[in-house]
Amino acid sequence: MLEFGFNNKYLIGVSGGPDSMFLLSELVKQKPKEIVVCHVNYNFRSDSINDQKIVEEFCNQHDLILEVKVIDPLIYQASNFNFEA
């Protein structure tokens, strides 16, 4: 079982996939002082918005602070560089 400090604040990057959503749900169960969730939507896959919606819905249900960064796919498609770099 994951154990987090009750009086601590956490900043957690969440992709919307099963692993990061599990980690987030376990963190929420520990009821820490504050959680800030960060999600980056690279718009790399046609269904990338679905991951963002999963994170948004979870954060809304649990009254969590959410910061979302949406990347314009034209930025990295035009330049042939690694968009995660």
PDB file of N, CA and C in Angstrom:
ATOM      1  N   MET A   1       0.835  -1.186   0.000  1.00  0.00           N
ATOM      2  CA  MET A   1       0.000   0.000   0.000  1.00  0.00           C
ATOM      3  C   MET A   1       0.876   1.244   0.000  1.00  0.00           C
ATOM      4  N   LEU A   2       0.508   2.200  -0.784  1.00  0.00           N
ATOM      5  CA  LEU A   2       1.218   3.467  -0.815  1.00  0.00           C
ATOM      6  C   LEU A   2       0.861   4.279   0.420  1.00  0.00           C
ATOM      7  N   GLU A   3       1.852   4.925   1.009  1.00  0.00           N
ATOM      8  CA  GLU A   3       1.583   5.782   2.161  1.00  0.00           C
ATOM      9  C   GLU A   3       2.139   7.162   1.885  1.00  0.00           C
ATOM     10  N   PHE A   4       1.282   8.129   2.035  1.00  0.00           N
ATOM     11  CA  PHE A   4       1.642   9.522   1.826  1.00  0.00           C
ATOM     12  C   PHE A   4       1.395  10.273   3.128  1.00  0.00           C
ATOM     13  N   GLY A   5       2.104  11.375   3.306  1.00  0.00           N
ATOM     14  CA  GLY A   5       1.924  12.168   4.507  1.00  0.00           C
ATOM     15  C   GLY A   5       0.651  12.999   4.470  1.00  0.00           C
ATOM     16  N   PHE A   6      -0.116  12.983   5.545  1.00  0.00           N
ATOM     17  CA  PHE A   6      -1.383  13.699   5.632  1.00  0.00           C
ATOM     18  C   PHE A   6      -1.202  15.204   5.524  1.00  0.00           C
ATOM     19  N   ASN A   7      -0.167  15.746   6.115  1.00  0.00           N
ATOM     20  CA  ASN A   7       0.033  17.197   6.127  1.00  0.00           C
ATOM     21  C   ASN A   7       0.823  17.710   4.935  1.00  0.00           C
ATOM     22  N   ASN A   8       1.109  16.844   4.011  1.00  0.00           N
ATOM     23  CA  ASN A   8       1.916  17.235   2.862  1.00  0.00           C
ATOM     24  C   ASN A   8       1.064  17.724   1.701  1.00  0.00           C
ATOM     25  N   LYS A   9       1.735  18.437   0.815  1.00  0.00           N
ATOM     26  CA  LYS A   9       1.124  18.880  -0.438  1.00  0.00           C
ATOM     27  C   LYS A   9       1.809  18.115  -1.563  1.00  0.00           C
ATOM     28  N   TYR A  10       1.028  17.763  -2.591  1.00  0.00           N
ATOM     29  CA  TYR A  10       1.564  16.972  -3.682  1.00  0.00           C
ATOM     30  C   TYR A  10       1.248  17.609  -5.027  1.00  0.00           C
ATOM     31  N   LEU A  11       2.237  17.574  -5.915  1.00  0.00           N
ATOM     32  CA  LEU A  11       2.084  17.951  -7.306  1.00  0.00           C
ATOM     33  C   LEU A  11       2.313  16.664  -8.084  1.00  0.00           C
ATOM     34  N   ILE A  12       1.299  16.240  -8.855  1.00  0.00           N
ATOM     35  CA  ILE A  12       1.385  14.952  -9.519  1.00  0.00           C
ATOM     36  C   ILE A  12       1.023  15.080 -10.995  1.00  0.00           C
ATOM     37  N   GLY A  13       1.890  14.522 -11.836  1.00  0.00           N
ATOM     38  CA  GLY A  13       1.640  14.492 -13.271  1.00  0.00           C
ATOM     39  C   GLY A  13       0.795  13.275 -13.597  1.00  0.00           C
ATOM     40  N   VAL A  14      -0.315  13.486 -14.276  1.00  0.00           N
ATOM     41  CA  VAL A  14      -1.258  12.402 -14.563  1.00  0.00           C
ATOM     42  C   VAL A  14      -1.563  12.381 -16.060  1.00  0.00           C
ATOM     43  N   SER A  15      -1.345  11.212 -16.674  1.00  0.00           N
ATOM     44  CA  SER A  15      -1.566  11.082 -18.120  1.00  0.00           C
ATOM     45  C   SER A  15      -3.009  10.735 -18.460  1.00  0.00           C
ATOM     46  N   GLY A  16      -3.718  10.137 -17.522  1.00  0.00           N
ATOM     47  CA  GLY A  16      -5.064   9.651 -17.810  1.00  0.00           C
ATOM     48  C   GLY A  16      -5.078   8.155 -18.052  1.00  0.00           C
ATOM     49  N   GLY A  17      -3.905   7.551 -18.159  1.00  0.00           N
ATOM     50  CA  GLY A  17      -3.795   6.104 -18.319  1.00  0.00           C
ATOM     51  C   GLY A  17      -4.028   5.393 -16.994  1.00  0.00           C
ATOM     52  N   PRO A  18      -4.160   4.071 -17.038  1.00  0.00           N
ATOM     53  CA  PRO A  18      -4.497   3.321 -15.822  1.00  0.00           C
ATOM     54  C   PRO A  18      -3.471   3.449 -14.696  1.00  0.00           C
ATOM     55  N   ASP A  19      -2.189   3.480 -15.019  1.00  0.00           N
ATOM     56  CA  ASP A  19      -1.174   3.564 -13.964  1.00  0.00           C
ATOM     57  C   ASP A  19      -1.231   4.887 -13.212  1.00  0.00           C
ATOM     58  N   SER A  20      -1.287   5.981 -13.950  1.00  0.00           N
ATOM     59  CA  SER A  20      -1.289   7.283 -13.274  1.00  0.00           C
ATOM     60  C   SER A  20      -2.619   7.540 -12.575  1.00  0.00           C
ATOM     61  N   MET A  21      -3.712   7.025 -13.124  1.00  0.00           N
ATOM     62  CA  MET A  21      -5.004   7.196 -12.452  1.00  0.00           C
ATOM     63  C   MET A  21      -5.061   6.381 -11.166  1.00  0.00           C
ATOM     64  N   PHE A  22      -4.428   5.206 -11.161  1.00  0.00           N
ATOM     65  CA  PHE A  22      -4.352   4.408  -9.937  1.00  0.00           C
ATOM     66  C   PHE A  22      -3.551   5.152  -8.876  1.00  0.00           C
ATOM     67  N   LEU A  23      -2.406   5.689  -9.270  1.00  0.00           N
ATOM     68  CA  LEU A  23      -1.576   6.438  -8.331  1.00  0.00           C
ATOM     69  C   LEU A  23      -2.346   7.621  -7.755  1.00  0.00           C
ATOM     70  N   LEU A  24      -3.045   8.345  -8.611  1.00  0.00           N
ATOM     71  CA  LEU A  24      -3.828   9.489  -8.150  1.00  0.00           C
ATOM     72  C   LEU A  24      -4.938   9.061  -7.197  1.00  0.00           C
ATOM     73  N   SER A  25      -5.636   7.980  -7.520  1.00  0.00           N
ATOM     74  CA  SER A  25      -6.736   7.530  -6.651  1.00  0.00           C
ATOM     75  C   SER A  25      -6.204   7.061  -5.296  1.00  0.00           C
ATOM     76  N   GLU A  26      -5.038   6.429  -5.283  1.00  0.00           N
ATOM     77  CA  GLU A  26      -4.446   6.023  -4.004  1.00  0.00           C
ATOM     78  C   GLU A  26      -4.023   7.240  -3.187  1.00  0.00           C
ATOM     79  N   LEU A  27      -3.502   8.243  -3.851  1.00  0.00           N
ATOM     80  CA  LEU A  27      -3.114   9.471  -3.158  1.00  0.00           C
ATOM     81  C   LEU A  27      -4.335  10.154  -2.551  1.00  0.00           C
ATOM     82  N   VAL A  28      -5.428  10.218  -3.299  1.00  0.00           N
ATOM     83  CA  VAL A  28      -6.659  10.844  -2.801  1.00  0.00           C
ATOM     84  C   VAL A  28      -7.165  10.134  -1.556  1.00  0.00           C
ATOM     85  N   LYS A  29      -7.059   8.811  -1.519  1.00  0.00           N
ATOM     86  CA  LYS A  29      -7.514   8.031  -0.356  1.00  0.00           C
ATOM     87  C   LYS A  29      -6.761   8.406   0.912  1.00  0.00           C
ATOM     88  N   GLN A  30      -5.528   8.881   0.773  1.00  0.00           N
ATOM     89  CA  GLN A  30      -4.720   9.260   1.942  1.00  0.00           C
ATOM     90  C   GLN A  30      -5.112  10.630   2.494  1.00  0.00           C
ATOM     91  N   LYS A  31      -5.915  11.366   1.744  1.00  0.00           N
ATOM     92  CA  LYS A  31      -6.418  12.681   2.152  1.00  0.00           C
ATOM     93  C   LYS A  31      -5.310  13.641   2.594  1.00  0.00           C
ATOM     94  N   PRO A  32      -4.347  13.885   1.709  1.00  0.00           N
ATOM     95  CA  PRO A  32      -3.311  14.857   2.072  1.00  0.00           C
ATOM     96  C   PRO A  32      -3.881  16.268   2.099  1.00  0.00           C
ATOM     97  N   LYS A  33      -3.086  17.171   2.594  1.00  0.00           N
ATOM     98  CA  LYS A  33      -3.492  18.564   2.740  1.00  0.00           C
ATOM     99  C   LYS A  33      -3.905  19.172   1.404  1.00  0.00           C
ATOM    100  N   GLU A  34      -3.132  18.934   0.339  1.00  0.00           N
ATOM    101  CA  GLU A  34      -3.439  19.512  -0.963  1.00  0.00           C
ATOM    102  C   GLU A  34      -2.828  18.651  -2.071  1.00  0.00           C
ATOM    103  N   ILE A  35      -3.571  18.518  -3.158  1.00  0.00           N
ATOM    104  CA  ILE A  35      -3.075  17.837  -4.353  1.00  0.00           C
ATOM    105  C   ILE A  35      -3.292  18.771  -5.533  1.00  0.00           C
ATOM    106  N   VAL A  36      -2.248  18.971  -6.322  1.00  0.00           N
ATOM    107  CA  VAL A  36      -2.364  19.697  -7.576  1.00  0.00           C
ATOM    108  C   VAL A  36      -2.032  18.685  -8.670  1.00  0.00           C
ATOM    109  N   VAL A  37      -2.971  18.497  -9.588  1.00  0.00           N
ATOM    110  CA  VAL A  37      -2.820  17.535 -10.668  1.00  0.00           C
ATOM    111  C   VAL A  37      -2.438  18.288 -11.940  1.00  0.00           C
ATOM    112  N   CYS A  38      -1.433  17.773 -12.662  1.00  0.00           N
ATOM    113  CA  CYS A  38      -0.993  18.371 -13.916  1.00  0.00           C
ATOM    114  C   CYS A  38      -1.165  17.356 -15.045  1.00  0.00           C
ATOM    115  N   HIS A  39      -1.712  17.820 -16.155  1.00  0.00           N
ATOM    116  CA  HIS A  39      -1.909  16.966 -17.323  1.00  0.00           C
ATOM    117  C   HIS A  39      -1.455  17.715 -18.562  1.00  0.00           C
ATOM    118  N   VAL A  40      -0.678  17.036 -19.421  1.00  0.00           N
ATOM    119  CA  VAL A  40      -0.264  17.617 -20.700  1.00  0.00           C
ATOM    120  C   VAL A  40      -0.943  16.827 -21.810  1.00  0.00           C
ATOM    121  N   ASN A  41      -1.716  17.518 -22.610  1.00  0.00           N
ATOM    122  CA  ASN A  41      -2.358  16.903 -23.773  1.00  0.00           C
ATOM    123  C   ASN A  41      -1.526  17.296 -24.991  1.00  0.00           C
ATOM    124  N   TYR A  42      -0.761  16.331 -25.489  1.00  0.00           N
ATOM    125  CA  TYR A  42       0.109  16.591 -26.634  1.00  0.00           C
ATOM    126  C   TYR A  42      -0.648  16.553 -27.960  1.00  0.00           C
ATOM    127  N   ASN A  43      -1.906  16.130 -27.923  1.00  0.00           N
ATOM    128  CA  ASN A  43      -2.694  15.995 -29.148  1.00  0.00           C
ATOM    129  C   ASN A  43      -1.971  15.141 -30.182  1.00  0.00           C
ATOM    130  N   PHE A  44      -1.228  14.162 -29.715  1.00  0.00           N
ATOM    131  CA  PHE A  44      -0.455  13.307 -30.610  1.00  0.00           C
ATOM    132  C   PHE A  44      -1.320  12.194 -31.206  1.00  0.00           C
ATOM    133  N   ARG A  45      -2.235  11.672 -30.413  1.00  0.00           N
ATOM    134  CA  ARG A  45      -3.159  10.640 -30.883  1.00  0.00           C
ATOM    135  C   ARG A  45      -4.526  11.275 -31.122  1.00  0.00           C
ATOM    136  N   SER A  46      -5.298  10.668 -31.984  1.00  0.00           N
ATOM    137  CA  SER A  46      -6.630  11.209 -32.287  1.00  0.00           C
ATOM    138  C   SER A  46      -7.545  11.180 -31.063  1.00  0.00           C
ATOM    139  N   ASP A  47      -7.256  10.287 -30.104  1.00  0.00           N
ATOM    140  CA  ASP A  47      -8.103  10.179 -28.911  1.00  0.00           C
ATOM    141  C   ASP A  47      -7.450  10.797 -27.667  1.00  0.00           C
ATOM    142  N   SER A  48      -6.455  11.646 -27.847  1.00  0.00           N
ATOM    143  CA  SER A  48      -5.772  12.274 -26.709  1.00  0.00           C
ATOM    144  C   SER A  48      -6.737  13.049 -25.812  1.00  0.00           C
ATOM    145  N   ILE A  49      -7.763  13.622 -26.392  1.00  0.00           N
ATOM    146  CA  ILE A  49      -8.732  14.394 -25.606  1.00  0.00           C
ATOM    147  C   ILE A  49      -9.446  13.505 -24.595  1.00  0.00           C
ATOM    148  N   ASN A  50      -9.580  12.211 -24.904  1.00  0.00           N
ATOM    149  CA  ASN A  50     -10.236  11.290 -23.963  1.00  0.00           C
ATOM    150  C   ASN A  50      -9.448  11.178 -22.664  1.00  0.00           C
ATOM    151  N   ASP A  51      -8.122  11.125 -22.759  1.00  0.00           N
ATOM    152  CA  ASP A  51      -7.296  11.080 -21.553  1.00  0.00           C
ATOM    153  C   ASP A  51      -7.481  12.347 -20.730  1.00  0.00           C
ATOM    154  N   GLN A  52      -7.509  13.475 -21.406  1.00  0.00           N
ATOM    155  CA  GLN A  52      -7.709  14.739 -20.704  1.00  0.00           C
ATOM    156  C   GLN A  52      -9.058  14.752 -19.992  1.00  0.00           C
ATOM    157  N   LYS A  53     -10.095  14.270 -20.653  1.00  0.00           N
ATOM    158  CA  LYS A  53     -11.431  14.240 -20.042  1.00  0.00           C
ATOM    159  C   LYS A  53     -11.478  13.322 -18.834  1.00  0.00           C
ATOM    160  N   ILE A  54     -10.774  12.196 -18.887  1.00  0.00           N
ATOM    161  CA  ILE A  54     -10.721  11.276 -17.741  1.00  0.00           C
ATOM    162  C   ILE A  54     -10.129  11.994 -16.535  1.00  0.00           C
ATOM    163  N   VAL A  55      -9.024  12.698 -16.753  1.00  0.00           N
ATOM    164  CA  VAL A  55      -8.363  13.428 -15.661  1.00  0.00           C
ATOM    165  C   VAL A  55      -9.266  14.551 -15.152  1.00  0.00           C
ATOM    166  N   GLU A  56      -9.874  15.297 -16.056  1.00  0.00           N
ATOM    167  CA  GLU A  56     -10.760  16.395 -15.657  1.00  0.00           C
ATOM    168  C   GLU A  56     -11.936  15.887 -14.825  1.00  0.00           C
ATOM    169  N   GLU A  57     -12.561  14.814 -15.258  1.00  0.00           N
ATOM    170  CA  GLU A  57     -13.714  14.269 -14.526  1.00  0.00           C
ATOM    171  C   GLU A  57     -13.318  13.795 -13.138  1.00  0.00           C
ATOM    172  N   PHE A  58     -12.189  13.095 -13.038  1.00  0.00           N
ATOM    173  CA  PHE A  58     -11.729  12.623 -11.734  1.00  0.00           C
ATOM    174  C   PHE A  58     -11.464  13.802 -10.806  1.00  0.00           C
ATOM    175  N   CYS A  59     -10.771  14.817 -11.322  1.00  0.00           N
ATOM    176  CA  CYS A  59     -10.451  15.988 -10.492  1.00  0.00           C
ATOM    177  C   CYS A  59     -11.718  16.726 -10.070  1.00  0.00           C
ATOM    178  N   ASN A  60     -12.685  16.840 -10.959  1.00  0.00           N
ATOM    179  CA  ASN A  60     -13.958  17.478 -10.604  1.00  0.00           C
ATOM    180  C   ASN A  60     -14.676  16.690  -9.515  1.00  0.00           C
ATOM    181  N   GLN A  61     -14.699  15.371  -9.634  1.00  0.00           N
ATOM    182  CA  GLN A  61     -15.382  14.521  -8.652  1.00  0.00           C
ATOM    183  C   GLN A  61     -14.737  14.598  -7.278  1.00  0.00           C
ATOM    184  N   HIS A  62     -13.430  14.825  -7.247  1.00  0.00           N
ATOM    185  CA  HIS A  62     -12.700  14.825  -5.977  1.00  0.00           C
ATOM    186  C   HIS A  62     -12.251  16.220  -5.544  1.00  0.00           C
ATOM    187  N   ASP A  63     -12.763  17.244  -6.232  1.00  0.00           N
ATOM    188  CA  ASP A  63     -12.469  18.641  -5.883  1.00  0.00           C
ATOM    189  C   ASP A  63     -10.961  18.901  -5.811  1.00  0.00           C
ATOM    190  N   LEU A  64     -10.254  18.477  -6.862  1.00  0.00           N
ATOM    191  CA  LEU A  64      -8.805  18.651  -6.920  1.00  0.00           C
ATOM    192  C   LEU A  64      -8.452  19.800  -7.859  1.00  0.00           C
ATOM    193  N   ILE A  65      -7.360  20.463  -7.551  1.00  0.00           N
ATOM    194  CA  ILE A  65      -6.826  21.499  -8.426  1.00  0.00           C
ATOM    195  C   ILE A  65      -6.228  20.808  -9.645  1.00  0.00           C
ATOM    196  N   LEU A  66      -6.557  21.295 -10.833  1.00  0.00           N
ATOM    197  CA  LEU A  66      -6.054  20.705 -12.068  1.00  0.00           C
ATOM    198  C   LEU A  66      -5.468  21.790 -12.956  1.00  0.00           C
ATOM    199  N   GLU A  67      -4.263  21.543 -13.439  1.00  0.00           N
ATOM    200  CA  GLU A  67      -3.613  22.413 -14.419  1.00  0.00           C
ATOM    201  C   GLU A  67      -3.420  21.592 -15.688  1.00  0.00           C
ATOM    202  N   VAL A  68      -3.933  22.076 -16.821  1.00  0.00           N
ATOM    203  CA  VAL A  68      -3.836  21.368 -18.100  1.00  0.00           C
ATOM    204  C   VAL A  68      -3.063  22.223 -19.085  1.00  0.00           C
ATOM    205  N   LYS A  69      -2.118  21.598 -19.757  1.00  0.00           N
ATOM    206  CA  LYS A  69      -1.371  22.248 -20.836  1.00  0.00           C
ATOM    207  C   LYS A  69      -1.741  21.516 -22.120  1.00  0.00           C
ATOM    208  N   VAL A  70      -2.296  22.222 -23.089  1.00  0.00           N
ATOM    209  CA  VAL A  70      -2.664  21.632 -24.370  1.00  0.00           C
ATOM    210  C   VAL A  70      -1.662  22.110 -25.416  1.00  0.00           C
ATOM    211  N   ILE A  71      -1.011  21.161 -26.057  1.00  0.00           N
ATOM    212  CA  ILE A  71       0.000  21.470 -27.056  1.00  0.00           C
ATOM    213  C   ILE A  71      -0.645  21.461 -28.446  1.00  0.00           C
ATOM    214  N   ASP A  72      -0.357  22.475 -29.217  1.00  0.00           N
ATOM    215  CA  ASP A  72      -0.812  22.531 -30.602  1.00  0.00           C
ATOM    216  C   ASP A  72       0.037  21.545 -31.396  1.00  0.00           C
ATOM    217  N   PRO A  73      -0.556  20.512 -31.974  1.00  0.00           N
ATOM    218  CA  PRO A  73       0.242  19.497 -32.682  1.00  0.00           C
ATOM    219  C   PRO A  73       0.978  20.043 -33.903  1.00  0.00           C
ATOM    220  N   LEU A  74       0.562  21.168 -34.428  1.00  0.00           N
ATOM    221  CA  LEU A  74       1.260  21.745 -35.577  1.00  0.00           C
ATOM    222  C   LEU A  74       2.682  22.171 -35.224  1.00  0.00           C
ATOM    223  N   ILE A  75       2.907  22.466 -33.961  1.00  0.00           N
ATOM    224  CA  ILE A  75       4.237  22.902 -33.520  1.00  0.00           C
ATOM    225  C   ILE A  75       5.272  21.816 -33.773  1.00  0.00           C
ATOM    226  N   TYR A  76       4.971  20.590 -33.379  1.00  0.00           N
ATOM    227  CA  TYR A  76       5.965  19.539 -33.552  1.00  0.00           C
ATOM    228  C   TYR A  76       5.811  18.774 -34.855  1.00  0.00           C
ATOM    229  N   GLN A  77       4.663  18.805 -35.473  1.00  0.00           N
ATOM    230  CA  GLN A  77       4.507  18.122 -36.752  1.00  0.00           C
ATOM    231  C   GLN A  77       5.302  18.827 -37.848  1.00  0.00           C
ATOM    232  N   ALA A  78       5.362  20.119 -37.791  1.00  0.00           N
ATOM    233  CA  ALA A  78       6.054  20.895 -38.826  1.00  0.00           C
ATOM    234  C   ALA A  78       7.573  20.851 -38.681  1.00  0.00           C
ATOM    235  N   SER A  79       8.071  20.579 -37.497  1.00  0.00           N
ATOM    236  CA  SER A  79       9.510  20.709 -37.274  1.00  0.00           C
ATOM    237  C   SER A  79      10.251  19.382 -37.125  1.00  0.00           C
ATOM    238  N   ASN A  80       9.541  18.250 -37.092  1.00  0.00           N
ATOM    239  CA  ASN A  80      10.167  16.924 -36.997  1.00  0.00           C
ATOM    240  C   ASN A  80      11.061  16.746 -35.776  1.00  0.00           C
ATOM    241  N   PHE A  81      10.702  17.329 -34.637  1.00  0.00           N
ATOM    242  CA  PHE A  81      11.478  17.082 -33.420  1.00  0.00           C
ATOM    243  C   PHE A  81      10.636  16.279 -32.438  1.00  0.00           C
ATOM    244  N   ASN A  82      11.323  15.762 -31.438  1.00  0.00           N
ATOM    245  CA  ASN A  82      10.674  14.948 -30.420  1.00  0.00           C
ATOM    246  C   ASN A  82       9.798  15.860 -29.562  1.00  0.00           C
ATOM    247  N   PHE A  83       8.478  15.709 -29.667  1.00  0.00           N
ATOM    248  CA  PHE A  83       7.573  16.624 -28.975  1.00  0.00           C
ATOM    249  C   PHE A  83       7.650  16.506 -27.455  1.00  0.00           C
ATOM    250  N   GLU A  84       8.115  15.394 -26.921  1.00  0.00           N
ATOM    251  CA  GLU A  84       8.239  15.251 -25.471  1.00  0.00           C
ATOM    252  C   GLU A  84       9.537  15.855 -24.954  1.00  0.00           C
ATOM    253  N   ALA A  85      10.481  16.108 -25.835  1.00  0.00           N
ATOM    254  CA  ALA A  85      11.751  16.730 -25.424  1.00  0.00           C
ATOM    255  C   ALA A  85      11.507  18.178 -25.098  1.00  0.00           C
TER     256      ALA A  85
END
